[in-house]
């Protein structure tokens, strides 16, 4: 049993989470005060934990990986004046009455 838990640790977490939530929902049916106070606090705590795990496993590790490789997802025109940018060069247009009528 412990070998399966070590091998499938993510499934073990989901199963334990389901057991805890199922038990709390059964208690909340019998004792409505749990639903009002304790259950809301537990669920809000779980949501904070899930959001923190998502941040530290996805976004933070991706940022650290790109920083370690010295790569950027977008070009940095401030560092390199001749670097490629996504800005388009536009000709300066004289603001005449005819130009202002064609805008809309």
PDB file of N, CA and C in Angstrom:
ATOM      1  N   UNK A   1       0.815  -1.191   0.000  1.00  0.00           N
ATOM      2  CA  UNK A   1       0.000   0.000   0.000  1.00  0.00           C
ATOM      3  C   UNK A   1       0.863   1.260   0.000  1.00  0.00           C
ATOM      4  N   UNK A   2       1.907   1.282   0.843  1.00  0.00           N
ATOM      5  CA  UNK A   2       2.743   2.474   0.896  1.00  0.00           C
ATOM      6  C   UNK A   2       3.540   2.644  -0.390  1.00  0.00           C
ATOM      7  N   UNK A   3       3.861   1.532  -1.054  1.00  0.00           N
ATOM      8  CA  UNK A   3       4.570   1.640  -2.330  1.00  0.00           C
ATOM      9  C   UNK A   3       3.675   2.310  -3.368  1.00  0.00           C
ATOM     10  N   UNK A   4       2.382   1.973  -3.369  1.00  0.00           N
ATOM     11  CA  UNK A   4       1.462   2.601  -4.319  1.00  0.00           C
ATOM     12  C   UNK A   4       1.322   4.088  -4.020  1.00  0.00           C
ATOM     13  N   UNK A   5       1.265   4.451  -2.732  1.00  0.00           N
ATOM     14  CA  UNK A   5       1.128   5.856  -2.353  1.00  0.00           C
ATOM     15  C   UNK A   5       2.365   6.633  -2.773  1.00  0.00           C
ATOM     16  N   UNK A   6       3.556   6.040  -2.583  1.00  0.00           N
ATOM     17  CA  UNK A   6       4.783   6.716  -3.006  1.00  0.00           C
ATOM     18  C   UNK A   6       4.856   6.854  -4.511  1.00  0.00           C
ATOM     19  N   UNK A   7       4.352   5.858  -5.224  1.00  0.00           N
ATOM     20  CA  UNK A   7       4.415   5.899  -6.682  1.00  0.00           C
ATOM     21  C   UNK A   7       3.361   6.842  -7.267  1.00  0.00           C
ATOM     22  N   UNK A   8       2.177   6.888  -6.653  1.00  0.00           N
ATOM     23  CA  UNK A   8       1.082   7.718  -7.146  1.00  0.00           C
ATOM     24  C   UNK A   8       0.716   8.763  -6.092  1.00  0.00           C
ATOM     25  N   UNK A   9       1.646   9.639  -5.796  1.00  0.00           N
ATOM     26  CA  UNK A   9       1.443  10.603  -4.722  1.00  0.00           C
ATOM     27  C   UNK A   9       0.379  11.641  -5.074  1.00  0.00           C
ATOM     28  N   UNK A  10       0.261  11.993  -6.350  1.00  0.00           N
ATOM     29  CA  UNK A  10      -0.730  12.988  -6.721  1.00  0.00           C
ATOM     30  C   UNK A  10      -2.148  12.433  -6.571  1.00  0.00           C
ATOM     31  N   UNK A  11      -2.350  11.184  -6.993  1.00  0.00           N
ATOM     32  CA  UNK A  11      -3.658  10.550  -6.799  1.00  0.00           C
ATOM     33  C   UNK A  11      -3.978  10.406  -5.323  1.00  0.00           C
ATOM     34  N   UNK A  12      -2.979  10.138  -4.506  1.00  0.00           N
ATOM     35  CA  UNK A  12      -3.200  10.013  -3.066  1.00  0.00           C
ATOM     36  C   UNK A  12      -3.694  11.330  -2.471  1.00  0.00           C
ATOM     37  N   UNK A  13      -3.137  12.438  -2.938  1.00  0.00           N
ATOM     38  CA  UNK A  13      -3.580  13.746  -2.458  1.00  0.00           C
ATOM     39  C   UNK A  13      -5.037  13.983  -2.841  1.00  0.00           C
ATOM     40  N   UNK A  14      -5.397  13.665  -4.097  1.00  0.00           N
ATOM     41  CA  UNK A  14      -6.783  13.847  -4.542  1.00  0.00           C
ATOM     42  C   UNK A  14      -7.750  12.963  -3.758  1.00  0.00           C
ATOM     43  N   UNK A  15      -7.350  11.744  -3.483  1.00  0.00           N
ATOM     44  CA  UNK A  15      -8.218  10.838  -2.724  1.00  0.00           C
ATOM     45  C   UNK A  15      -8.399  11.343  -1.300  1.00  0.00           C
ATOM     46  N   UNK A  16      -7.319  11.779  -0.652  1.00  0.00           N
ATOM     47  CA  UNK A  16      -7.433  12.317   0.712  1.00  0.00           C
ATOM     48  C   UNK A  16      -8.287  13.580   0.731  1.00  0.00           C
ATOM     49  N   UNK A  17      -8.123  14.424  -0.261  1.00  0.00           N
ATOM     50  CA  UNK A  17      -8.942  15.632  -0.354  1.00  0.00           C
ATOM     51  C   UNK A  17     -10.419  15.274  -0.495  1.00  0.00           C
ATOM     52  N   UNK A  18     -10.717  14.286  -1.330  1.00  0.00           N
ATOM     53  CA  UNK A  18     -12.102  13.840  -1.505  1.00  0.00           C
ATOM     54  C   UNK A  18     -12.689  13.261  -0.228  1.00  0.00           C
ATOM     55  N   UNK A  19     -11.890  12.483   0.502  1.00  0.00           N
ATOM     56  CA  UNK A  19     -12.371  11.905   1.768  1.00  0.00           C
ATOM     57  C   UNK A  19     -12.656  12.997   2.787  1.00  0.00           C
ATOM     58  N   UNK A  20     -11.752  13.963   2.891  1.00  0.00           N
ATOM     59  CA  UNK A  20     -11.950  15.057   3.849  1.00  0.00           C
ATOM     60  C   UNK A  20     -13.183  15.874   3.474  1.00  0.00           C
ATOM     61  N   UNK A  21     -13.332  16.215   2.197  1.00  0.00           N
ATOM     62  CA  UNK A  21     -14.476  17.019   1.779  1.00  0.00           C
ATOM     63  C   UNK A  21     -15.786  16.235   1.925  1.00  0.00           C
ATOM     64  N   UNK A  22     -15.771  14.950   1.641  1.00  0.00           N
ATOM     65  CA  UNK A  22     -16.968  14.133   1.821  1.00  0.00           C
ATOM     66  C   UNK A  22     -17.378  14.043   3.274  1.00  0.00           C
ATOM     67  N   UNK A  23     -16.408  13.862   4.148  1.00  0.00           N
ATOM     68  CA  UNK A  23     -16.698  13.798   5.581  1.00  0.00           C
ATOM     69  C   UNK A  23     -17.255  15.125   6.086  1.00  0.00           C
ATOM     70  N   UNK A  24     -16.649  16.223   5.635  1.00  0.00           N
ATOM     71  CA  UNK A  24     -17.146  17.538   6.052  1.00  0.00           C
ATOM     72  C   UNK A  24     -18.549  17.801   5.530  1.00  0.00           C
ATOM     73  N   UNK A  25     -18.845  17.356   4.317  1.00  0.00           N
ATOM     74  CA  UNK A  25     -20.190  17.574   3.783  1.00  0.00           C
ATOM     75  C   UNK A  25     -21.221  16.742   4.544  1.00  0.00           C
ATOM     76  N   UNK A  26     -20.862  15.523   4.963  1.00  0.00           N
ATOM     77  CA  UNK A  26     -21.784  14.718   5.762  1.00  0.00           C
ATOM     78  C   UNK A  26     -22.044  15.357   7.121  1.00  0.00           C
ATOM     79  N   UNK A  27     -20.981  15.889   7.744  1.00  0.00           N
ATOM     80  CA  UNK A  27     -21.153  16.563   9.025  1.00  0.00           C
ATOM     81  C   UNK A  27     -21.971  17.835   8.871  1.00  0.00           C
ATOM     82  N   UNK A  28     -21.804  18.528   7.730  1.00  0.00           N
ATOM     83  CA  UNK A  28     -22.554  19.772   7.554  1.00  0.00           C
ATOM     84  C   UNK A  28     -24.040  19.500   7.366  1.00  0.00           C
ATOM     85  N   UNK A  29     -24.403  18.315   6.851  1.00  0.00           N
ATOM     86  CA  UNK A  29     -25.818  17.976   6.740  1.00  0.00           C
ATOM     87  C   UNK A  29     -26.430  17.731   8.118  1.00  0.00           C
ATOM     88  N   UNK A  30     -25.646  17.113   8.994  1.00  0.00           N
ATOM     89  CA  UNK A  30     -26.166  16.801  10.321  1.00  0.00           C
ATOM     90  C   UNK A  30     -26.096  18.008  11.250  1.00  0.00           C
ATOM     91  N   UNK A  31     -25.010  18.770  11.150  1.00  0.00           N
ATOM     92  CA  UNK A  31     -24.809  19.941  12.005  1.00  0.00           C
ATOM     93  C   UNK A  31     -24.708  21.181  11.113  1.00  0.00           C
ATOM     94  N   UNK A  32     -25.786  21.922  10.924  1.00  0.00           N
ATOM     95  CA  UNK A  32     -25.763  23.064  10.001  1.00  0.00           C
ATOM     96  C   UNK A  32     -24.792  24.168  10.410  1.00  0.00           C
ATOM     97  N   UNK A  33     -24.424  24.254  11.668  1.00  0.00           N
ATOM     98  CA  UNK A  33     -23.484  25.294  12.095  1.00  0.00           C
ATOM     99  C   UNK A  33     -22.119  25.095  11.440  1.00  0.00           C
ATOM    100  N   UNK A  34     -21.757  23.829  11.146  1.00  0.00           N
ATOM    101  CA  UNK A  34     -20.489  23.578  10.456  1.00  0.00           C
ATOM    102  C   UNK A  34     -20.504  24.186   9.064  1.00  0.00           C
ATOM    103  N   UNK A  35     -21.639  24.088   8.403  1.00  0.00           N
ATOM    104  CA  UNK A  35     -21.738  24.634   7.056  1.00  0.00           C
ATOM    105  C   UNK A  35     -21.561  26.141   7.071  1.00  0.00           C
ATOM    106  N   UNK A  36     -22.083  26.774   8.102  1.00  0.00           N
ATOM    107  CA  UNK A  36     -22.029  28.224   8.173  1.00  0.00           C
ATOM    108  C   UNK A  36     -20.623  28.751   8.462  1.00  0.00           C
ATOM    109  N   UNK A  37     -19.941  28.171   9.416  1.00  0.00           N
ATOM    110  CA  UNK A  37     -18.700  28.766   9.904  1.00  0.00           C
ATOM    111  C   UNK A  37     -17.450  27.989   9.467  1.00  0.00           C
ATOM    112  N   UNK A  38     -17.354  26.765   9.924  1.00  0.00           N
ATOM    113  CA  UNK A  38     -16.111  26.014   9.758  1.00  0.00           C
ATOM    114  C   UNK A  38     -15.887  25.601   8.311  1.00  0.00           C
ATOM    115  N   UNK A  39     -16.934  25.143   7.642  1.00  0.00           N
ATOM    116  CA  UNK A  39     -16.782  24.662   6.275  1.00  0.00           C
ATOM    117  C   UNK A  39     -16.346  25.782   5.335  1.00  0.00           C
ATOM    118  N   UNK A  40     -16.879  26.970   5.523  1.00  0.00           N
ATOM    119  CA  UNK A  40     -16.476  28.100   4.682  1.00  0.00           C
ATOM    120  C   UNK A  40     -15.008  28.451   4.900  1.00  0.00           C
ATOM    121  N   UNK A  41     -14.559  28.396   6.132  1.00  0.00           N
ATOM    122  CA  UNK A  41     -13.151  28.694   6.410  1.00  0.00           C
ATOM    123  C   UNK A  41     -12.227  27.632   5.818  1.00  0.00           C
ATOM    124  N   UNK A  42     -12.637  26.380   5.926  1.00  0.00           N
ATOM    125  CA  UNK A  42     -11.808  25.301   5.377  1.00  0.00           C
ATOM    126  C   UNK A  42     -11.716  25.412   3.865  1.00  0.00           C
ATOM    127  N   UNK A  43     -12.843  25.674   3.213  1.00  0.00           N
ATOM    128  CA  UNK A  43     -12.830  25.792   1.754  1.00  0.00           C
ATOM    129  C   UNK A  43     -12.053  27.010   1.277  1.00  0.00           C
ATOM    130  N   UNK A  44     -12.145  28.112   1.995  1.00  0.00           N
ATOM    131  CA  UNK A  44     -11.360  29.283   1.604  1.00  0.00           C
ATOM    132  C   UNK A  44      -9.862  29.029   1.818  1.00  0.00           C
ATOM    133  N   UNK A  45      -9.528  28.272   2.853  1.00  0.00           N
ATOM    134  CA  UNK A  45      -8.122  27.894   3.051  1.00  0.00           C
ATOM    135  C   UNK A  45      -7.611  26.993   1.951  1.00  0.00           C
ATOM    136  N   UNK A  46      -8.446  26.032   1.530  1.00  0.00           N
ATOM    137  CA  UNK A  46      -8.057  25.168   0.410  1.00  0.00           C
ATOM    138  C   UNK A  46      -7.860  25.964  -0.870  1.00  0.00           C
ATOM    139  N   UNK A  47      -8.719  26.946  -1.116  1.00  0.00           N
ATOM    140  CA  UNK A  47      -8.573  27.732  -2.336  1.00  0.00           C
ATOM    141  C   UNK A  47      -7.281  28.535  -2.328  1.00  0.00           C
ATOM    142  N   UNK A  48      -6.905  29.072  -1.169  1.00  0.00           N
ATOM    143  CA  UNK A  48      -5.634  29.802  -1.073  1.00  0.00           C
ATOM    144  C   UNK A  48      -4.460  28.859  -1.329  1.00  0.00           C
ATOM    145  N   UNK A  49      -4.527  27.659  -0.780  1.00  0.00           N
ATOM    146  CA  UNK A  49      -3.448  26.683  -0.979  1.00  0.00           C
ATOM    147  C   UNK A  49      -3.344  26.283  -2.440  1.00  0.00           C
ATOM    148  N   UNK A  50      -4.465  26.054  -3.098  1.00  0.00           N
ATOM    149  CA  UNK A  50      -4.450  25.647  -4.507  1.00  0.00           C
ATOM    150  C   UNK A  50      -3.900  26.766  -5.377  1.00  0.00           C
ATOM    151  N   UNK A  51      -4.294  27.997  -5.125  1.00  0.00           N
ATOM    152  CA  UNK A  51      -3.781  29.123  -5.914  1.00  0.00           C
ATOM    153  C   UNK A  51      -2.280  29.305  -5.688  1.00  0.00           C
ATOM    154  N   UNK A  52      -1.828  29.169  -4.450  1.00  0.00           N
ATOM    155  CA  UNK A  52      -0.396  29.297  -4.157  1.00  0.00           C
ATOM    156  C   UNK A  52       0.400  28.183  -4.834  1.00  0.00           C
ATOM    157  N   UNK A  53      -0.118  26.962  -4.799  1.00  0.00           N
ATOM    158  CA  UNK A  53       0.568  25.857  -5.475  1.00  0.00           C
ATOM    159  C   UNK A  53       0.631  26.076  -6.976  1.00  0.00           C
ATOM    160  N   UNK A  54      -0.447  26.558  -7.554  1.00  0.00           N
ATOM    161  CA  UNK A  54      -0.446  26.834  -8.996  1.00  0.00           C
ATOM    162  C   UNK A  54       0.575  27.909  -9.344  1.00  0.00           C
ATOM    163  N   UNK A  55       0.662  28.937  -8.520  1.00  0.00           N
ATOM    164  CA  UNK A  55       1.622  30.000  -8.790  1.00  0.00           C
ATOM    165  C   UNK A  55       3.062  29.491  -8.698  1.00  0.00           C
ATOM    166  N   UNK A  56       3.366  28.801  -7.603  1.00  0.00           N
ATOM    167  CA  UNK A  56       4.748  28.393  -7.395  1.00  0.00           C
ATOM    168  C   UNK A  56       5.169  27.237  -8.293  1.00  0.00           C
ATOM    169  N   UNK A  57       4.232  26.442  -8.800  1.00  0.00           N
ATOM    170  CA  UNK A  57       4.625  25.342  -9.678  1.00  0.00           C
ATOM    171  C   UNK A  57       4.612  25.719 -11.152  1.00  0.00           C
ATOM    172  N   UNK A  58       3.785  26.669 -11.529  1.00  0.00           N
ATOM    173  CA  UNK A  58       3.696  27.019 -12.950  1.00  0.00           C
ATOM    174  C   UNK A  58       4.438  28.316 -13.241  1.00  0.00           C
ATOM    175  N   UNK A  59       3.974  29.414 -12.684  1.00  0.00           N
ATOM    176  CA  UNK A  59       4.501  30.719 -13.064  1.00  0.00           C
ATOM    177  C   UNK A  59       5.907  30.972 -12.524  1.00  0.00           C
ATOM    178  N   UNK A  60       6.131  30.681 -11.276  1.00  0.00           N
ATOM    179  CA  UNK A  60       7.441  30.963 -10.690  1.00  0.00           C
ATOM    180  C   UNK A  60       8.528  30.079 -11.305  1.00  0.00           C
ATOM    181  N   UNK A  61       8.246  28.803 -11.496  1.00  0.00           N
ATOM    182  CA  UNK A  61       9.261  27.922 -12.095  1.00  0.00           C
ATOM    183  C   UNK A  61       9.535  28.288 -13.548  1.00  0.00           C
ATOM    184  N   UNK A  62       8.510  28.717 -14.274  1.00  0.00           N
ATOM    185  CA  UNK A  62       8.726  29.162 -15.652  1.00  0.00           C
ATOM    186  C   UNK A  62       9.594  30.411 -15.687  1.00  0.00           C
ATOM    187  N   UNK A  63       9.330  31.364 -14.809  1.00  0.00           N
ATOM    188  CA  UNK A  63      10.126  32.592 -14.761  1.00  0.00           C
ATOM    189  C   UNK A  63      11.573  32.299 -14.373  1.00  0.00           C
ATOM    190  N   UNK A  64      11.766  31.412 -13.406  1.00  0.00           N
ATOM    191  CA  UNK A  64      13.129  31.061 -12.994  1.00  0.00           C
ATOM    192  C   UNK A  64      13.857  30.347 -14.130  1.00  0.00           C
ATOM    193  N   UNK A  65      13.159  29.471 -14.835  1.00  0.00           N
ATOM    194  CA  UNK A  65      13.773  28.773 -15.966  1.00  0.00           C
ATOM    195  C   UNK A  65      14.187  29.722 -17.079  1.00  0.00           C
ATOM    196  N   UNK A  66      13.333  30.669 -17.444  1.00  0.00           N
ATOM    197  CA  UNK A  66      13.688  31.635 -18.483  1.00  0.00           C
ATOM    198  C   UNK A  66      14.815  32.543 -18.023  1.00  0.00           C
ATOM    199  N   UNK A  67      14.803  32.906 -16.745  1.00  0.00           N
ATOM    200  CA  UNK A  67      15.869  33.759 -16.224  1.00  0.00           C
ATOM    201  C   UNK A  67      17.209  33.020 -16.245  1.00  0.00           C
ATOM    202  N   UNK A  68      17.190  31.731 -15.896  1.00  0.00           N
ATOM    203  CA  UNK A  68      18.423  30.944 -15.880  1.00  0.00           C
ATOM    204  C   UNK A  68      18.965  30.733 -17.297  1.00  0.00           C
ATOM    205  N   UNK A  69      18.063  30.587 -18.262  1.00  0.00           N
ATOM    206  CA  UNK A  69      18.502  30.404 -19.646  1.00  0.00           C
ATOM    207  C   UNK A  69      18.849  31.724 -20.331  1.00  0.00           C
ATOM    208  N   UNK A  70      18.497  32.840 -19.700  1.00  0.00           N
ATOM    209  CA  UNK A  70      18.779  34.140 -20.287  1.00  0.00           C
ATOM    210  C   UNK A  70      17.865  34.457 -21.460  1.00  0.00           C
ATOM    211  N   UNK A  71      16.680  33.902 -21.481  1.00  0.00           N
ATOM    212  CA  UNK A  71      15.741  34.115 -22.581  1.00  0.00           C
ATOM    213  C   UNK A  71      14.656  35.081 -22.142  1.00  0.00           C
ATOM    214  N   UNK A  72      14.049  35.715 -23.135  1.00  0.00           N
ATOM    215  CA  UNK A  72      12.912  36.603 -22.892  1.00  0.00           C
ATOM    216  C   UNK A  72      11.783  36.205 -23.830  1.00  0.00           C
ATOM    217  N   UNK A  73      10.554  36.325 -23.356  1.00  0.00           N
ATOM    218  CA  UNK A  73       9.414  36.008 -24.201  1.00  0.00           C
ATOM    219  C   UNK A  73       9.075  37.150 -25.146  1.00  0.00           C
ATOM    220  N   UNK A  74       9.367  38.379 -24.744  1.00  0.00           N
ATOM    221  CA  UNK A  74       9.133  39.548 -25.578  1.00  0.00           C
ATOM    222  C   UNK A  74      10.450  40.274 -25.815  1.00  0.00           C
ATOM    223  N   UNK A  75      10.596  40.929 -26.956  1.00  0.00           N
ATOM    224  CA  UNK A  75      11.842  41.667 -27.205  1.00  0.00           C
ATOM    225  C   UNK A  75      11.957  42.858 -26.262  1.00  0.00           C
ATOM    226  N   UNK A  76      13.197  43.235 -25.967  1.00  0.00           N
ATOM    227  CA  UNK A  76      13.464  44.332 -25.051  1.00  0.00           C
ATOM    228  C   UNK A  76      14.096  45.482 -25.830  1.00  0.00           C
ATOM    229  N   UNK A  77      13.300  46.429 -26.332  1.00  0.00           N
ATOM    230  CA  UNK A  77      13.884  47.507 -27.133  1.00  0.00           C
ATOM    231  C   UNK A  77      14.695  48.493 -26.299  1.00  0.00           C
ATOM    232  N   UNK A  78      14.471  48.571 -24.995  1.00  0.00           N
ATOM    233  CA  UNK A  78      15.231  49.489 -24.158  1.00  0.00           C
ATOM    234  C   UNK A  78      16.682  49.070 -24.024  1.00  0.00           C
ATOM    235  N   UNK A  79      16.945  47.781 -24.089  1.00  0.00           N
ATOM    236  CA  UNK A  79      18.301  47.278 -23.958  1.00  0.00           C
ATOM    237  C   UNK A  79      19.072  47.385 -25.279  1.00  0.00           C
ATOM    238  N   UNK A  80      18.381  47.137 -26.372  1.00  0.00           N
ATOM    239  CA  UNK A  80      19.010  47.137 -27.682  1.00  0.00           C
ATOM    240  C   UNK A  80      18.242  48.108 -28.571  1.00  0.00           C
ATOM    241  N   UNK A  81      18.853  49.237 -28.903  1.00  0.00           N
ATOM    242  CA  UNK A  81      18.166  50.271 -29.683  1.00  0.00           C
ATOM    243  C   UNK A  81      17.821  49.805 -31.090  1.00  0.00           C
ATOM    244  N   UNK A  82      18.614  48.918 -31.667  1.00  0.00           N
ATOM    245  CA  UNK A  82      18.337  48.418 -33.015  1.00  0.00           C
ATOM    246  C   UNK A  82      17.546  47.120 -32.991  1.00  0.00           C
ATOM    247  N   UNK A  83      17.085  46.728 -31.823  1.00  0.00           N
ATOM    248  CA  UNK A  83      16.367  45.460 -31.687  1.00  0.00           C
ATOM    249  C   UNK A  83      14.992  45.506 -32.328  1.00  0.00           C
ATOM    250  N   UNK A  84      14.471  44.336 -32.599  1.00  0.00           N
ATOM    251  CA  UNK A  84      13.156  44.208 -33.215  1.00  0.00           C
ATOM    252  C   UNK A  84      12.075  44.545 -32.183  1.00  0.00           C
ATOM    253  N   UNK A  85      11.105  45.359 -32.602  1.00  0.00           N
ATOM    254  CA  UNK A  85       9.986  45.697 -31.738  1.00  0.00           C
ATOM    255  C   UNK A  85       8.684  45.419 -32.481  1.00  0.00           C
ATOM    256  N   UNK A  86       7.602  45.476 -31.762  1.00  0.00           N
ATOM    257  CA  UNK A  86       6.288  45.275 -32.361  1.00  0.00           C
ATOM    258  C   UNK A  86       5.608  46.599 -32.702  1.00  0.00           C
ATOM    259  N   UNK A  87       6.288  47.710 -32.468  1.00  0.00           N
ATOM    260  CA  UNK A  87       5.732  49.010 -32.795  1.00  0.00           C
ATOM    261  C   UNK A  87       5.899  49.265 -34.283  1.00  0.00           C
ATOM    262  N   UNK A  88       4.880  49.816 -34.900  1.00  0.00           N
ATOM    263  CA  UNK A  88       4.928  50.142 -36.326  1.00  0.00           C
ATOM    264  C   UNK A  88       5.255  51.623 -36.482  1.00  0.00           C
ATOM    265  N   UNK A  89       6.138  51.917 -37.434  1.00  0.00           N
ATOM    266  CA  UNK A  89       6.465  53.308 -37.738  1.00  0.00           C
ATOM    267  C   UNK A  89       5.309  53.915 -38.525  1.00  0.00           C
ATOM    268  N   UNK A  90       4.903  55.112 -38.132  1.00  0.00           N
ATOM    269  CA  UNK A  90       3.818  55.795 -38.816  1.00  0.00           C
ATOM    270  C   UNK A  90       4.292  57.143 -39.300  1.00  0.00           C
ATOM    271  N   UNK A  91       3.730  57.523 -40.421  1.00  0.00           N
ATOM    272  CA  UNK A  91       4.051  58.852 -40.939  1.00  0.00           C
ATOM    273  C   UNK A  91       3.261  59.888 -40.157  1.00  0.00           C
ATOM    274  N   UNK A  92       3.865  61.043 -39.983  1.00  0.00           N
ATOM    275  CA  UNK A  92       3.184  62.115 -39.272  1.00  0.00           C
ATOM    276  C   UNK A  92       2.128  62.705 -40.194  1.00  0.00           C
ATOM    277  N   UNK A  93       0.894  62.740 -39.720  1.00  0.00           N
ATOM    278  CA  UNK A  93      -0.217  63.227 -40.531  1.00  0.00           C
ATOM    279  C   UNK A  93      -0.666  64.569 -39.975  1.00  0.00           C
ATOM    280  N   UNK A  94      -0.873  65.487 -40.895  1.00  0.00           N
ATOM    281  CA  UNK A  94      -1.333  66.810 -40.505  1.00  0.00           C
ATOM    282  C   UNK A  94      -2.812  66.733 -40.090  1.00  0.00           C
ATOM    283  N   UNK A  95      -3.165  67.192 -38.904  1.00  0.00           N
ATOM    284  CA  UNK A  95      -4.566  67.091 -38.446  1.00  0.00           C
ATOM    285  C   UNK A  95      -5.464  68.119 -39.135  1.00  0.00           C
ATOM    286  N   UNK A  96      -5.896  67.796 -40.327  1.00  0.00           N
ATOM    287  CA  UNK A  96      -6.799  68.687 -41.064  1.00  0.00           C
ATOM    288  C   UNK A  96      -8.238  68.280 -40.809  1.00  0.00           C
ATOM    289  N   UNK A  97      -9.161  69.105 -41.281  1.00  0.00           N
ATOM    290  CA  UNK A  97     -10.583  68.820 -41.104  1.00  0.00           C
ATOM    291  C   UNK A  97     -10.991  67.585 -41.899  1.00  0.00           C
ATOM    292  N   UNK A  98     -10.413  67.410 -43.089  1.00  0.00           N
ATOM    293  CA  UNK A  98     -10.719  66.233 -43.908  1.00  0.00           C
ATOM    294  C   UNK A  98     -10.240  64.954 -43.221  1.00  0.00           C
ATOM    295  N   UNK A  99      -9.071  64.997 -42.617  1.00  0.00           N
ATOM    296  CA  UNK A  99      -8.545  63.828 -41.886  1.00  0.00           C
ATOM    297  C   UNK A  99      -9.432  63.477 -40.696  1.00  0.00           C
ATOM    298  N   UNK A 100      -9.890  64.482 -39.958  1.00  0.00           N
ATOM    299  CA  UNK A 100     -10.729  64.246 -38.801  1.00  0.00           C
ATOM    300  C   UNK A 100     -12.089  63.679 -39.199  1.00  0.00           C
ATOM    301  N   UNK A 101     -12.607  64.034 -40.353  1.00  0.00           N
ATOM    302  CA  UNK A 101     -13.883  63.474 -40.817  1.00  0.00           C
ATOM    303  C   UNK A 101     -13.742  62.014 -41.227  1.00  0.00           C
ATOM    304  N   UNK A 102     -12.573  61.599 -41.729  1.00  0.00           N
ATOM    305  CA  UNK A 102     -12.362  60.222 -42.184  1.00  0.00           C
ATOM    306  C   UNK A 102     -12.110  59.252 -41.032  1.00  0.00           C
ATOM    307  N   UNK A 103     -11.916  59.717 -39.838  1.00  0.00           N
ATOM    308  CA  UNK A 103     -11.623  58.824 -38.722  1.00  0.00           C
ATOM    309  C   UNK A 103     -12.788  57.906 -38.409  1.00  0.00           C
ATOM    310  N   UNK A 104     -13.998  58.404 -38.533  1.00  0.00           N
ATOM    311  CA  UNK A 104     -15.160  57.613 -38.164  1.00  0.00           C
ATOM    312  C   UNK A 104     -15.946  57.293 -39.399  1.00  0.00           C
TER     313      UNK A 104
END
